[in-house]
Amino acid sequence: MGLMENYEKYQKQMNDILKRKNSDYSGKEDTYANFQYCEKLGLCSTEVGIMVRMSDKMTRISNLLKQDAQVKEESIKDTLLDLAYYSMILASYIEDKNKKNE
C-alpha cells in the first residue's frame, strides 16, 4: 500500500475510534469536557493540557523506536494515531474557542 491508501485507511479508523472515545470521555453535551478538566482544577489551560497528552505520546513513540512495546495491545502505530488525534483535537479546540470569542 502507498501513502494515500494508508492515509485513507487510517482516517477511517481514526474517525470511528474518535467518535467512540469522545462518547466515553465527554458525552454529547461538551465534546471538550475531559480536556477542560485540567483548567477547572486550576492546573493549566486546556490547550496546555492537550499538549501534555501529546508530549506523553511523543515520549512513548521515541521509546518504541528504540525498543519493543511492553504493552502489546498498543503498538507504535496506535500511539502515532493517538498523537494525530490530539493534534486534531487541539486544532479543533482552538478554532472553536476563537469562534466563540469573535
C-alpha atoms as a PDB file:
ATOM      1  CA  MET A   1       0.000   0.000   0.000  1.00  0.00           C
ATOM      2  CA  GLY A   2       1.114   3.536  -0.648  1.00  0.00           C
ATOM      3  CA  LEU A   3       0.824   6.708   1.372  1.00  0.00           C
ATOM      4  CA  MET A   4      -2.627   7.739   0.145  1.00  0.00           C
ATOM      5  CA  GLU A   5      -4.120   4.278   0.607  1.00  0.00           C
ATOM      6  CA  ASN A   6      -2.750   4.077   4.149  1.00  0.00           C
ATOM      7  CA  TYR A   7      -3.877   7.635   4.878  1.00  0.00           C
ATOM      8  CA  GLU A   8      -7.439   6.830   3.831  1.00  0.00           C
ATOM      9  CA  LYS A   9      -7.408   3.603   5.865  1.00  0.00           C
ATOM     10  CA  TYR A  10      -6.072   5.408   8.959  1.00  0.00           C
ATOM     11  CA  GLN A  11      -8.539   8.244   8.508  1.00  0.00           C
ATOM     12  CA  LYS A  12     -11.487   5.803   8.596  1.00  0.00           C
ATOM     13  CA  GLN A  13     -10.073   4.034  11.651  1.00  0.00           C
ATOM     14  CA  MET A  14      -9.429   7.324  13.416  1.00  0.00           C
ATOM     15  CA  ASN A  15     -12.914   8.660  12.687  1.00  0.00           C
ATOM     16  CA  ASP A  16     -14.539   5.578  14.193  1.00  0.00           C
ATOM     17  CA  ILE A  17     -12.280   5.467  17.246  1.00  0.00           C
ATOM     18  CA  LEU A  18     -12.531   9.210  17.897  1.00  0.00           C
ATOM     19  CA  LYS A  19     -16.335   9.073  17.917  1.00  0.00           C
ATOM     20  CA  ARG A  20     -16.365   6.164  20.367  1.00  0.00           C
ATOM     21  CA  LYS A  21     -13.695   7.590  22.669  1.00  0.00           C
ATOM     22  CA  ASN A  22     -15.291  11.035  22.680  1.00  0.00           C
ATOM     23  CA  SER A  23     -18.591   9.469  23.728  1.00  0.00           C
ATOM     24  CA  ASP A  24     -16.863   7.585  26.553  1.00  0.00           C
ATOM     25  CA  TYR A  25     -14.894  10.592  27.797  1.00  0.00           C
ATOM     26  CA  SER A  26     -17.072  13.627  27.142  1.00  0.00           C
ATOM     27  CA  GLY A  27     -20.558  12.640  26.125  1.00  0.00           C
ATOM     28  CA  LYS A  28     -22.525  14.725  23.681  1.00  0.00           C
ATOM     29  CA  GLU A  29     -23.033  17.960  25.604  1.00  0.00           C
ATOM     30  CA  ASP A  30     -19.453  19.269  25.668  1.00  0.00           C
ATOM     31  CA  THR A  31     -17.040  17.378  23.466  1.00  0.00           C
ATOM     32  CA  TYR A  32     -14.041  19.038  25.139  1.00  0.00           C
ATOM     33  CA  ALA A  33     -15.164  18.440  28.748  1.00  0.00           C
ATOM     34  CA  ASN A  34     -12.454  15.933  29.628  1.00  0.00           C
ATOM     35  CA  PHE A  35      -9.764  18.206  28.189  1.00  0.00           C
ATOM     36  CA  GLN A  36     -11.088  21.241  30.068  1.00  0.00           C
ATOM     37  CA  TYR A  37     -10.956  19.417  33.383  1.00  0.00           C
ATOM     38  CA  CYS A  38      -7.318  20.413  33.991  1.00  0.00           C
ATOM     39  CA  GLU A  39      -8.372  24.058  33.625  1.00  0.00           C
ATOM     40  CA  LYS A  40     -11.255  23.582  36.068  1.00  0.00           C
ATOM     41  CA  LEU A  41      -8.770  22.162  38.575  1.00  0.00           C
ATOM     42  CA  GLY A  42      -6.583  25.238  38.092  1.00  0.00           C
ATOM     43  CA  LEU A  43      -3.652  23.202  36.804  1.00  0.00           C
ATOM     44  CA  CYS A  44      -3.170  24.644  33.323  1.00  0.00           C
ATOM     45  CA  SER A  45      -5.042  25.841  30.269  1.00  0.00           C
ATOM     46  CA  THR A  46      -6.992  23.375  28.176  1.00  0.00           C
ATOM     47  CA  GLU A  47      -4.514  23.879  25.328  1.00  0.00           C
ATOM     48  CA  VAL A  48      -1.537  23.061  27.555  1.00  0.00           C
ATOM     49  CA  GLY A  49      -3.404  20.042  28.927  1.00  0.00           C
ATOM     50  CA  ILE A  50      -3.835  18.683  25.406  1.00  0.00           C
ATOM     51  CA  MET A  51      -0.183  19.413  24.654  1.00  0.00           C
ATOM     52  CA  VAL A  52       0.843  17.418  27.746  1.00  0.00           C
ATOM     53  CA  ARG A  53      -1.042  14.430  26.371  1.00  0.00           C
ATOM     54  CA  MET A  54       0.701  14.963  23.030  1.00  0.00           C
ATOM     55  CA  SER A  55       4.103  15.059  24.735  1.00  0.00           C
ATOM     56  CA  ASP A  56       3.281  11.788  26.532  1.00  0.00           C
ATOM     57  CA  LYS A  57       2.611  10.191  23.154  1.00  0.00           C
ATOM     58  CA  MET A  58       5.800  11.627  21.662  1.00  0.00           C
ATOM     59  CA  THR A  59       7.828  10.236  24.563  1.00  0.00           C
ATOM     60  CA  ARG A  60       6.255   6.805  24.050  1.00  0.00           C
ATOM     61  CA  ILE A  61       6.930   6.939  20.303  1.00  0.00           C
ATOM     62  CA  SER A  62      10.553   7.840  20.977  1.00  0.00           C
ATOM     63  CA  ASN A  63      10.902   4.882  23.332  1.00  0.00           C
ATOM     64  CA  LEU A  64       9.154   2.472  20.965  1.00  0.00           C
ATOM     65  CA  LEU A  65      11.531   3.393  18.160  1.00  0.00           C
ATOM     66  CA  LYS A  66      14.329   2.066  20.393  1.00  0.00           C
ATOM     67  CA  GLN A  67      12.653  -0.979  21.923  1.00  0.00           C
ATOM     68  CA  ASP A  68       9.624  -3.246  21.556  1.00  0.00           C
ATOM     69  CA  ALA A  69       6.414  -2.300  23.331  1.00  0.00           C
ATOM     70  CA  GLN A  70       5.753  -3.980  26.665  1.00  0.00           C
ATOM     71  CA  VAL A  71       2.030  -3.282  26.265  1.00  0.00           C
ATOM     72  CA  LYS A  72       1.345  -5.396  23.194  1.00  0.00           C
ATOM     73  CA  GLU A  73      -2.218  -4.106  22.836  1.00  0.00           C
ATOM     74  CA  GLU A  74      -0.932  -0.640  21.915  1.00  0.00           C
ATOM     75  CA  SER A  75       1.510  -0.643  19.029  1.00  0.00           C
ATOM     76  CA  ILE A  76       3.643   2.238  17.819  1.00  0.00           C
ATOM     77  CA  LYS A  77       1.074   2.716  15.043  1.00  0.00           C
ATOM     78  CA  ASP A  78      -1.669   3.111  17.660  1.00  0.00           C
ATOM     79  CA  THR A  79       0.442   5.671  19.503  1.00  0.00           C
ATOM     80  CA  LEU A  80       1.171   7.596  16.295  1.00  0.00           C
ATOM     81  CA  LEU A  81      -2.556   7.698  15.518  1.00  0.00           C
ATOM     82  CA  ASP A  82      -3.244   8.883  19.088  1.00  0.00           C
ATOM     83  CA  LEU A  83      -0.816  11.752  18.503  1.00  0.00           C
ATOM     84  CA  ALA A  84      -2.719  12.615  15.322  1.00  0.00           C
ATOM     85  CA  TYR A  85      -5.997  12.592  17.321  1.00  0.00           C
ATOM     86  CA  TYR A  86      -4.614  15.013  19.860  1.00  0.00           C
ATOM     87  CA  SER A  87      -3.320  17.283  17.098  1.00  0.00           C
ATOM     88  CA  MET A  88      -6.777  17.402  15.532  1.00  0.00           C
ATOM     89  CA  ILE A  89      -8.439  17.897  18.901  1.00  0.00           C
ATOM     90  CA  LEU A  90      -6.150  20.829  19.721  1.00  0.00           C
ATOM     91  CA  ALA A  91      -6.688  22.419  16.298  1.00  0.00           C
ATOM     92  CA  SER A  92     -10.455  21.997  16.651  1.00  0.00           C
ATOM     93  CA  TYR A  93     -10.497  23.343  20.208  1.00  0.00           C
ATOM     94  CA  ILE A  94      -8.524  26.445  19.208  1.00  0.00           C
ATOM     95  CA  GLU A  95     -10.775  27.048  16.203  1.00  0.00           C
ATOM     96  CA  ASP A  96     -13.953  26.681  18.281  1.00  0.00           C
ATOM     97  CA  LYS A  97     -12.554  28.876  21.062  1.00  0.00           C
ATOM     98  CA  ASN A  98     -11.654  31.601  18.557  1.00  0.00           C
ATOM     99  CA  LYS A  99     -15.133  31.462  17.004  1.00  0.00           C
ATOM    100  CA  LYS A 100     -16.696  31.779  20.448  1.00  0.00           C
ATOM    101  CA  ASN A 101     -14.532  34.835  21.210  1.00  0.00           C
ATOM    102  CA  GLU A 102     -15.400  36.674  17.963  1.00  0.00           C
END
